[in-house]
Amino acid sequence: MDIGIKQIEQVARLSRIKLTDEEKGFFREQLTDILSYVEKLNELDTDGVQPMAYATSLKNVFREDHQESSFPRQQILELSPSSANGFFKVPKVLE
């Protein structure tokens, strides 16, 4: 499938981008190649092929959750600009 310059200009206008004549030619070639590849894929017989949710067989791969010690509370409070009675002191935001 061949994409024309008019179609490139229409897509650029809808995308609200300005393209030079050189860029229009470049994108026309790229989009033509992409659509030609999709046409090839449409020729394949996909009857009996189950749809896939993932491109690989991996599903919900999670790492093990390990409990680790954190920084001591006092050390964190010392790093804050202001603290009082073991809590962070922040400016009042509600009246």
C-alpha atoms as a PDB file:
ATOM      1  CA  MET A   1       0.000   0.000   0.000  1.00  0.00           C
ATOM      2  CA  ASP A   2       1.399   3.359  -0.982  1.00  0.00           C
ATOM      3  CA  ILE A   3       0.810   6.403   1.201  1.00  0.00           C
ATOM      4  CA  GLY A   4       0.578   9.752  -0.544  1.00  0.00           C
ATOM      5  CA  ILE A   5       1.976  13.079   0.569  1.00  0.00           C
ATOM      6  CA  LYS A   6      -1.597  14.369   1.013  1.00  0.00           C
ATOM      7  CA  GLN A   7      -2.233  11.655   3.618  1.00  0.00           C
ATOM      8  CA  ILE A   8       1.022  12.509   5.410  1.00  0.00           C
ATOM      9  CA  GLU A   9       0.006  16.176   5.476  1.00  0.00           C
ATOM     10  CA  GLN A  10      -3.425  15.240   6.849  1.00  0.00           C
ATOM     11  CA  VAL A  11      -1.920  13.136   9.645  1.00  0.00           C
ATOM     12  CA  ALA A  12       0.546  15.927  10.445  1.00  0.00           C
ATOM     13  CA  ARG A  13      -2.296  18.451  10.569  1.00  0.00           C
ATOM     14  CA  LEU A  14      -4.357  16.214  12.863  1.00  0.00           C
ATOM     15  CA  SER A  15      -1.272  15.703  15.058  1.00  0.00           C
ATOM     16  CA  ARG A  16      -0.639  19.439  15.029  1.00  0.00           C
ATOM     17  CA  ILE A  17       2.952  19.067  13.894  1.00  0.00           C
ATOM     18  CA  LYS A  18       4.749  20.883  11.104  1.00  0.00           C
ATOM     19  CA  LEU A  19       6.811  18.812   8.710  1.00  0.00           C
ATOM     20  CA  THR A  20       9.338  19.891   6.134  1.00  0.00           C
ATOM     21  CA  ASP A  21       9.131  18.452   2.611  1.00  0.00           C
ATOM     22  CA  GLU A  22      12.093  16.211   3.476  1.00  0.00           C
ATOM     23  CA  GLU A  23      10.338  14.891   6.593  1.00  0.00           C
ATOM     24  CA  LYS A  24       7.132  14.282   4.638  1.00  0.00           C
ATOM     25  CA  GLY A  25       9.052  12.104   2.182  1.00  0.00           C
ATOM     26  CA  PHE A  26      10.818  10.275   4.992  1.00  0.00           C
ATOM     27  CA  PHE A  27       7.574   9.509   6.851  1.00  0.00           C
ATOM     28  CA  ARG A  28       5.801   8.546   3.618  1.00  0.00           C
ATOM     29  CA  GLU A  29       8.451   5.881   2.984  1.00  0.00           C
ATOM     30  CA  GLN A  30       8.282   4.600   6.555  1.00  0.00           C
ATOM     31  CA  LEU A  31       4.480   4.417   6.674  1.00  0.00           C
ATOM     32  CA  THR A  32       4.379   2.712   3.270  1.00  0.00           C
ATOM     33  CA  ASP A  33       6.824   0.076   4.546  1.00  0.00           C
ATOM     34  CA  ILE A  34       4.815  -0.452   7.744  1.00  0.00           C
ATOM     35  CA  LEU A  35       1.520  -0.849   5.895  1.00  0.00           C
ATOM     36  CA  SER A  36       3.115  -3.212   3.363  1.00  0.00           C
ATOM     37  CA  TYR A  37       4.294  -5.394   6.244  1.00  0.00           C
ATOM     38  CA  VAL A  38       0.794  -5.389   7.787  1.00  0.00           C
ATOM     39  CA  GLU A  39      -0.639  -6.446   4.405  1.00  0.00           C
ATOM     40  CA  LYS A  40       1.777  -9.405   4.427  1.00  0.00           C
ATOM     41  CA  LEU A  41       0.616 -10.354   7.908  1.00  0.00           C
ATOM     42  CA  ASN A  42      -3.025 -10.196   6.779  1.00  0.00           C
ATOM     43  CA  GLU A  43      -2.259 -12.870   4.176  1.00  0.00           C
ATOM     44  CA  LEU A  44      -1.427 -15.411   6.904  1.00  0.00           C
ATOM     45  CA  ASP A  45      -3.994 -18.047   7.804  1.00  0.00           C
ATOM     46  CA  THR A  46      -4.731 -17.471  11.490  1.00  0.00           C
ATOM     47  CA  ASP A  47      -7.754 -19.764  11.765  1.00  0.00           C
ATOM     48  CA  GLY A  48      -7.357 -21.941  14.834  1.00  0.00           C
ATOM     49  CA  VAL A  49      -4.694 -19.703  16.391  1.00  0.00           C
ATOM     50  CA  GLN A  50      -5.651 -18.668  19.899  1.00  0.00           C
ATOM     51  CA  PRO A  51      -5.319 -14.959  20.775  1.00  0.00           C
ATOM     52  CA  MET A  52      -2.475 -14.167  23.147  1.00  0.00           C
ATOM     53  CA  ALA A  53      -2.495 -11.819  26.099  1.00  0.00           C
ATOM     54  CA  TYR A  54       1.331 -11.824  26.248  1.00  0.00           C
ATOM     55  CA  ALA A  55       3.982 -12.232  23.576  1.00  0.00           C
ATOM     56  CA  THR A  56       5.742 -14.791  25.781  1.00  0.00           C
ATOM     57  CA  SER A  57       4.505 -17.531  28.061  1.00  0.00           C
ATOM     58  CA  LEU A  58       5.511 -15.588  31.172  1.00  0.00           C
ATOM     59  CA  LYS A  59       2.659 -14.363  33.342  1.00  0.00           C
ATOM     60  CA  ASN A  60       2.767 -12.229  36.478  1.00  0.00           C
ATOM     61  CA  VAL A  61       6.466 -12.573  37.168  1.00  0.00           C
ATOM     62  CA  PHE A  62       7.135 -11.160  40.608  1.00  0.00           C
ATOM     63  CA  ARG A  63      10.260 -11.142  42.710  1.00  0.00           C
ATOM     64  CA  GLU A  64      10.295 -12.613  46.168  1.00  0.00           C
ATOM     65  CA  ASP A  65       9.344 -10.129  48.843  1.00  0.00           C
ATOM     66  CA  HIS A  66      11.907 -10.028  51.626  1.00  0.00           C
ATOM     67  CA  GLN A  67      11.611  -8.004  54.784  1.00  0.00           C
ATOM     68  CA  GLU A  68      14.656  -5.828  55.353  1.00  0.00           C
ATOM     69  CA  SER A  69      15.521  -3.481  58.126  1.00  0.00           C
ATOM     70  CA  SER A  70      15.087   0.199  57.426  1.00  0.00           C
ATOM     71  CA  PHE A  71      16.967   3.208  58.700  1.00  0.00           C
ATOM     72  CA  PRO A  72      16.598   4.006  62.380  1.00  0.00           C
ATOM     73  CA  ARG A  73      13.758   6.437  63.048  1.00  0.00           C
ATOM     74  CA  GLN A  74      15.986   8.941  64.837  1.00  0.00           C
ATOM     75  CA  GLN A  75      18.437   9.022  61.924  1.00  0.00           C
ATOM     76  CA  ILE A  76      15.622   9.865  59.479  1.00  0.00           C
ATOM     77  CA  LEU A  77      14.209  12.552  61.775  1.00  0.00           C
ATOM     78  CA  GLU A  78      17.657  14.145  62.024  1.00  0.00           C
ATOM     79  CA  LEU A  79      17.705  14.487  58.221  1.00  0.00           C
ATOM     80  CA  SER A  80      14.404  16.365  58.146  1.00  0.00           C
ATOM     81  CA  PRO A  81      14.345  20.185  58.280  1.00  0.00           C
ATOM     82  CA  SER A  82      12.106  20.143  61.334  1.00  0.00           C
ATOM     83  CA  SER A  83      10.771  17.524  63.761  1.00  0.00           C
ATOM     84  CA  ALA A  84       9.010  17.461  67.119  1.00  0.00           C
ATOM     85  CA  ASN A  85       8.145  14.654  69.538  1.00  0.00           C
ATOM     86  CA  GLY A  86       9.363  11.946  67.130  1.00  0.00           C
ATOM     87  CA  PHE A  87       7.370  13.218  64.112  1.00  0.00           C
ATOM     88  CA  PHE A  88       8.103  15.313  61.027  1.00  0.00           C
ATOM     89  CA  LYS A  89       7.043  18.916  61.534  1.00  0.00           C
ATOM     90  CA  VAL A  90       5.414  20.436  58.445  1.00  0.00           C
ATOM     91  CA  PRO A  91       3.666  23.728  57.720  1.00  0.00           C
ATOM     92  CA  LYS A  92      -0.038  23.861  58.471  1.00  0.00           C
ATOM     93  CA  VAL A  93      -2.075  23.473  55.281  1.00  0.00           C
ATOM     94  CA  LEU A  94      -5.641  23.519  56.656  1.00  0.00           C
ATOM     95  CA  GLU A  95      -7.250  26.069  58.893  1.00  0.00           C
END
